[in-house]
């Protein structure tokens, strides 16, 4: 299986490319969605990140 990473600045079209790939049946892992899920559902992860980055997490 080939794995690729999509990078770029804000507004550069990363989500558009990921959506198009997914539309064509390519599995897409959206790290933003997964990290949000982890910080929302894991008190331990949220606690550690808050200690590291501050309350504005």
PDB file of N, CA and C in Angstrom:
ATOM      1  N   UNK A   1       0.839  -1.174   0.000  1.00  0.00           N
ATOM      2  CA  UNK A   1       0.000   0.000   0.000  1.00  0.00           C
ATOM      3  C   UNK A   1       0.889   1.243   0.000  1.00  0.00           C
ATOM      4  N   UNK A   2       0.594   2.152  -0.870  1.00  0.00           N
ATOM      5  CA  UNK A   2       1.311   3.425  -0.930  1.00  0.00           C
ATOM      6  C   UNK A   2       0.663   4.382   0.066  1.00  0.00           C
ATOM      7  N   UNK A   3       1.488   5.087   0.819  1.00  0.00           N
ATOM      8  CA  UNK A   3       0.992   6.091   1.761  1.00  0.00           C
ATOM      9  C   UNK A   3       1.553   7.440   1.348  1.00  0.00           C
ATOM     10  N   UNK A   4       0.696   8.459   1.350  1.00  0.00           N
ATOM     11  CA  UNK A   4       1.146   9.811   1.031  1.00  0.00           C
ATOM     12  C   UNK A   4       0.698  10.753   2.145  1.00  0.00           C
ATOM     13  N   UNK A   5       1.392  11.838   2.279  1.00  0.00           N
ATOM     14  CA  UNK A   5       1.016  12.875   3.225  1.00  0.00           C
ATOM     15  C   UNK A   5       0.699  14.143   2.458  1.00  0.00           C
ATOM     16  N   UNK A   6      -0.337  14.828   2.869  1.00  0.00           N
ATOM     17  CA  UNK A   6      -0.719  16.084   2.226  1.00  0.00           C
ATOM     18  C   UNK A   6      -0.394  17.205   3.203  1.00  0.00           C
ATOM     19  N   UNK A   7       0.455  18.111   2.777  1.00  0.00           N
ATOM     20  CA  UNK A   7       0.842  19.227   3.638  1.00  0.00           C
ATOM     21  C   UNK A   7       0.612  20.539   2.905  1.00  0.00           C
ATOM     22  N   UNK A   8       0.577  21.613   3.666  1.00  0.00           N
ATOM     23  CA  UNK A   8       0.427  22.934   3.075  1.00  0.00           C
ATOM     24  C   UNK A   8      -0.079  23.910   4.113  1.00  0.00           C
ATOM     25  N   UNK A   9      -0.054  25.151   3.750  1.00  0.00           N
ATOM     26  CA  UNK A   9      -0.495  26.209   4.647  1.00  0.00           C
ATOM     27  C   UNK A   9      -2.010  26.274   4.760  1.00  0.00           C
ATOM     28  N   UNK A  10      -2.479  27.172   5.606  1.00  0.00           N
ATOM     29  CA  UNK A  10      -3.911  27.388   5.782  1.00  0.00           C
ATOM     30  C   UNK A  10      -4.503  27.848   4.454  1.00  0.00           C
ATOM     31  N   UNK A  11      -5.601  27.217   4.062  1.00  0.00           N
ATOM     32  CA  UNK A  11      -6.291  27.606   2.833  1.00  0.00           C
ATOM     33  C   UNK A  11      -5.642  27.122   1.554  1.00  0.00           C
ATOM     34  N   UNK A  12      -4.710  26.177   1.663  1.00  0.00           N
ATOM     35  CA  UNK A  12      -3.997  25.724   0.462  1.00  0.00           C
ATOM     36  C   UNK A  12      -4.706  24.593  -0.275  1.00  0.00           C
ATOM     37  N   UNK A  13      -5.780  24.054   0.307  1.00  0.00           N
ATOM     38  CA  UNK A  13      -6.548  23.026  -0.382  1.00  0.00           C
ATOM     39  C   UNK A  13      -6.315  21.601   0.078  1.00  0.00           C
ATOM     40  N   UNK A  14      -5.691  21.432   1.234  1.00  0.00           N
ATOM     41  CA  UNK A  14      -5.426  20.075   1.738  1.00  0.00           C
ATOM     42  C   UNK A  14      -6.719  19.282   1.909  1.00  0.00           C
ATOM     43  N   UNK A  15      -7.719  19.899   2.494  1.00  0.00           N
ATOM     44  CA  UNK A  15      -8.992  19.214   2.724  1.00  0.00           C
ATOM     45  C   UNK A  15      -9.701  18.900   1.416  1.00  0.00           C
ATOM     46  N   UNK A  16      -9.582  19.782   0.448  1.00  0.00           N
ATOM     47  CA  UNK A  16     -10.192  19.541  -0.868  1.00  0.00           C
ATOM     48  C   UNK A  16      -9.557  18.323  -1.522  1.00  0.00           C
ATOM     49  N   UNK A  17      -8.243  18.249  -1.498  1.00  0.00           N
ATOM     50  CA  UNK A  17      -7.533  17.106  -2.081  1.00  0.00           C
ATOM     51  C   UNK A  17      -7.921  15.823  -1.350  1.00  0.00           C
ATOM     52  N   UNK A  18      -7.961  15.869  -0.026  1.00  0.00           N
ATOM     53  CA  UNK A  18      -8.335  14.687   0.755  1.00  0.00           C
ATOM     54  C   UNK A  18      -9.762  14.251   0.430  1.00  0.00           C
ATOM     55  N   UNK A  19     -10.668  15.204   0.291  1.00  0.00           N
ATOM     56  CA  UNK A  19     -12.057  14.885  -0.051  1.00  0.00           C
ATOM     57  C   UNK A  19     -12.167  14.263  -1.433  1.00  0.00           C
ATOM     58  N   UNK A  20     -11.409  14.795  -2.387  1.00  0.00           N
ATOM     59  CA  UNK A  20     -11.427  14.232  -3.743  1.00  0.00           C
ATOM     60  C   UNK A  20     -10.863  12.816  -3.762  1.00  0.00           C
ATOM     61  N   UNK A  21      -9.773  12.600  -3.051  1.00  0.00           N
ATOM     62  CA  UNK A  21      -9.208  11.255  -2.972  1.00  0.00           C
ATOM     63  C   UNK A  21     -10.217  10.286  -2.367  1.00  0.00           C
ATOM     64  N   UNK A  22     -10.877  10.721  -1.301  1.00  0.00           N
ATOM     65  CA  UNK A  22     -11.875   9.883  -0.644  1.00  0.00           C
ATOM     66  C   UNK A  22     -13.063   9.605  -1.567  1.00  0.00           C
ATOM     67  N   UNK A  23     -13.448  10.587  -2.352  1.00  0.00           N
ATOM     68  CA  UNK A  23     -14.534  10.434  -3.325  1.00  0.00           C
ATOM     69  C   UNK A  23     -14.224   9.326  -4.328  1.00  0.00           C
ATOM     70  N   UNK A  24     -12.958   9.180  -4.660  1.00  0.00           N
ATOM     71  CA  UNK A  24     -12.524   8.143  -5.596  1.00  0.00           C
ATOM     72  C   UNK A  24     -12.179   6.823  -4.906  1.00  0.00           C
ATOM     73  N   UNK A  25     -12.547   6.714  -3.641  1.00  0.00           N
ATOM     74  CA  UNK A  25     -12.374   5.451  -2.939  1.00  0.00           C
ATOM     75  C   UNK A  25     -11.052   5.261  -2.229  1.00  0.00           C
ATOM     76  N   UNK A  26     -10.250   6.303  -2.181  1.00  0.00           N
ATOM     77  CA  UNK A  26      -8.964   6.212  -1.485  1.00  0.00           C
ATOM     78  C   UNK A  26      -9.210   6.436   0.008  1.00  0.00           C
ATOM     79  N   UNK A  27      -8.763   5.513   0.858  1.00  0.00           N
ATOM     80  CA  UNK A  27      -8.925   5.728   2.301  1.00  0.00           C
ATOM     81  C   UNK A  27      -8.124   6.955   2.741  1.00  0.00           C
ATOM     82  N   UNK A  28      -8.759   7.804   3.526  1.00  0.00           N
ATOM     83  CA  UNK A  28      -8.118   9.040   3.982  1.00  0.00           C
ATOM     84  C   UNK A  28      -8.166   9.083   5.505  1.00  0.00           C
ATOM     85  N   UNK A  29      -7.027   9.341   6.118  1.00  0.00           N
ATOM     86  CA  UNK A  29      -6.932   9.518   7.565  1.00  0.00           C
ATOM     87  C   UNK A  29      -6.804  11.016   7.824  1.00  0.00           C
ATOM     88  N   UNK A  30      -7.769  11.587   8.521  1.00  0.00           N
ATOM     89  CA  UNK A  30      -7.761  13.023   8.806  1.00  0.00           C
ATOM     90  C   UNK A  30      -7.278  13.216  10.242  1.00  0.00           C
ATOM     91  N   UNK A  31      -6.035  13.610  10.377  1.00  0.00           N
ATOM     92  CA  UNK A  31      -5.410  13.728  11.699  1.00  0.00           C
ATOM     93  C   UNK A  31      -6.115  14.760  12.577  1.00  0.00           C
ATOM     94  N   UNK A  32      -6.604  15.855  11.997  1.00  0.00           N
ATOM     95  CA  UNK A  32      -7.294  16.873  12.791  1.00  0.00           C
ATOM     96  C   UNK A  32      -8.521  16.285  13.485  1.00  0.00           C
ATOM     97  N   UNK A  33      -9.287  15.510  12.751  1.00  0.00           N
ATOM     98  CA  UNK A  33     -10.489  14.890  13.305  1.00  0.00           C
ATOM     99  C   UNK A  33     -10.134  13.900  14.406  1.00  0.00           C
ATOM    100  N   UNK A  34      -9.134  13.084  14.157  1.00  0.00           N
ATOM    101  CA  UNK A  34      -8.737  12.071  15.138  1.00  0.00           C
ATOM    102  C   UNK A  34      -8.155  12.695  16.401  1.00  0.00           C
ATOM    103  N   UNK A  35      -7.349  13.750  16.249  1.00  0.00           N
ATOM    104  CA  UNK A  35      -6.769  14.390  17.439  1.00  0.00           C
ATOM    105  C   UNK A  35      -7.850  15.082  18.264  1.00  0.00           C
ATOM    106  N   UNK A  36      -8.838  15.675  17.603  1.00  0.00           N
ATOM    107  CA  UNK A  36      -9.956  16.308  18.305  1.00  0.00           C
ATOM    108  C   UNK A  36     -10.741  15.258  19.085  1.00  0.00           C
ATOM    109  N   UNK A  37     -10.980  14.111  18.457  1.00  0.00           N
ATOM    110  CA  UNK A  37     -11.681  13.019  19.131  1.00  0.00           C
ATOM    111  C   UNK A  37     -10.919  12.562  20.376  1.00  0.00           C
ATOM    112  N   UNK A  38      -9.607  12.427  20.251  1.00  0.00           N
ATOM    113  CA  UNK A  38      -8.792  11.995  21.391  1.00  0.00           C
ATOM    114  C   UNK A  38      -8.820  13.001  22.536  1.00  0.00           C
ATOM    115  N   UNK A  39      -8.682  14.284  22.216  1.00  0.00           N
ATOM    116  CA  UNK A  39      -8.671  15.291  23.287  1.00  0.00           C
ATOM    117  C   UNK A  39     -10.051  15.451  23.912  1.00  0.00           C
ATOM    118  N   UNK A  40     -11.113  15.177  23.149  1.00  0.00           N
ATOM    119  CA  UNK A  40     -12.470  15.286  23.691  1.00  0.00           C
ATOM    120  C   UNK A  40     -12.869  14.075  24.526  1.00  0.00           C
ATOM    121  N   UNK A  41     -12.285  12.913  24.255  1.00  0.00           N
ATOM    122  CA  UNK A  41     -12.738  11.690  24.917  1.00  0.00           C
ATOM    123  C   UNK A  41     -11.749  11.108  25.926  1.00  0.00           C
ATOM    124  N   UNK A  42     -10.531  11.607  25.963  1.00  0.00           N
ATOM    125  CA  UNK A  42      -9.543  11.056  26.889  1.00  0.00           C
ATOM    126  C   UNK A  42      -9.090  12.117  27.887  1.00  0.00           C
ATOM    127  N   UNK A  43      -9.564  12.012  29.125  1.00  0.00           N
ATOM    128  CA  UNK A  43      -9.146  12.978  30.139  1.00  0.00           C
ATOM    129  C   UNK A  43      -7.632  12.977  30.365  1.00  0.00           C
ATOM    130  N   UNK A  44      -6.998  11.829  30.251  1.00  0.00           N
ATOM    131  CA  UNK A  44      -5.550  11.734  30.467  1.00  0.00           C
ATOM    132  C   UNK A  44      -4.805  12.517  29.389  1.00  0.00           C
ATOM    133  N   UNK A  45      -5.184  12.322  28.145  1.00  0.00           N
ATOM    134  CA  UNK A  45      -4.530  13.041  27.046  1.00  0.00           C
ATOM    135  C   UNK A  45      -4.765  14.535  27.186  1.00  0.00           C
ATOM    136  N   UNK A  46      -6.012  14.925  27.474  1.00  0.00           N
ATOM    137  CA  UNK A  46      -6.317  16.349  27.623  1.00  0.00           C
ATOM    138  C   UNK A  46      -5.516  16.962  28.772  1.00  0.00           C
ATOM    139  N   UNK A  47      -5.405  16.245  29.876  1.00  0.00           N
ATOM    140  CA  UNK A  47      -4.645  16.733  31.035  1.00  0.00           C
ATOM    141  C   UNK A  47      -3.174  16.948  30.678  1.00  0.00           C
ATOM    142  N   UNK A  48      -2.585  15.977  29.992  1.00  0.00           N
ATOM    143  CA  UNK A  48      -1.168  16.069  29.622  1.00  0.00           C
ATOM    144  C   UNK A  48      -0.933  17.213  28.637  1.00  0.00           C
ATOM    145  N   UNK A  49      -1.818  17.347  27.655  1.00  0.00           N
ATOM    146  CA  UNK A  49      -1.667  18.430  26.679  1.00  0.00           C
ATOM    147  C   UNK A  49      -1.860  19.796  27.327  1.00  0.00           C
ATOM    148  N   UNK A  50      -2.821  19.896  28.238  1.00  0.00           N
ATOM    149  CA  UNK A  50      -3.051  21.155  28.945  1.00  0.00           C
ATOM    150  C   UNK A  50      -1.836  21.527  29.787  1.00  0.00           C
ATOM    151  N   UNK A  51      -1.233  20.537  30.444  1.00  0.00           N
ATOM    152  CA  UNK A  51      -0.029  20.792  31.238  1.00  0.00           C
ATOM    153  C   UNK A  51       1.119  21.263  30.348  1.00  0.00           C
ATOM    154  N   UNK A  52       1.191  20.718  29.160  1.00  0.00           N
ATOM    155  CA  UNK A  52       2.271  21.060  28.238  1.00  0.00           C
ATOM    156  C   UNK A  52       2.033  22.386  27.516  1.00  0.00           C
ATOM    157  N   UNK A  53       0.781  22.625  27.094  1.00  0.00           N
ATOM    158  CA  UNK A  53       0.492  23.763  26.218  1.00  0.00           C
ATOM    159  C   UNK A  53      -0.318  24.882  26.861  1.00  0.00           C
ATOM    160  N   UNK A  54      -0.895  24.624  28.040  1.00  0.00           N
ATOM    161  CA  UNK A  54      -1.674  25.649  28.718  1.00  0.00           C
ATOM    162  C   UNK A  54      -3.170  25.438  28.572  1.00  0.00           C
ATOM    163  N   UNK A  55      -3.924  26.231  29.307  1.00  0.00           N
ATOM    164  CA  UNK A  55      -5.383  26.096  29.383  1.00  0.00           C
ATOM    165  C   UNK A  55      -6.103  26.421  28.072  1.00  0.00           C
ATOM    166  N   UNK A  56      -5.496  27.177  27.197  1.00  0.00           N
ATOM    167  CA  UNK A  56      -6.159  27.582  25.950  1.00  0.00           C
ATOM    168  C   UNK A  56      -6.200  26.479  24.908  1.00  0.00           C
ATOM    169  N   UNK A  57      -5.891  25.270  25.323  1.00  0.00           N
ATOM    170  CA  UNK A  57      -5.923  24.125  24.429  1.00  0.00           C
ATOM    171  C   UNK A  57      -7.319  23.960  23.928  1.00  0.00           C
TER     172      UNK A  57
END
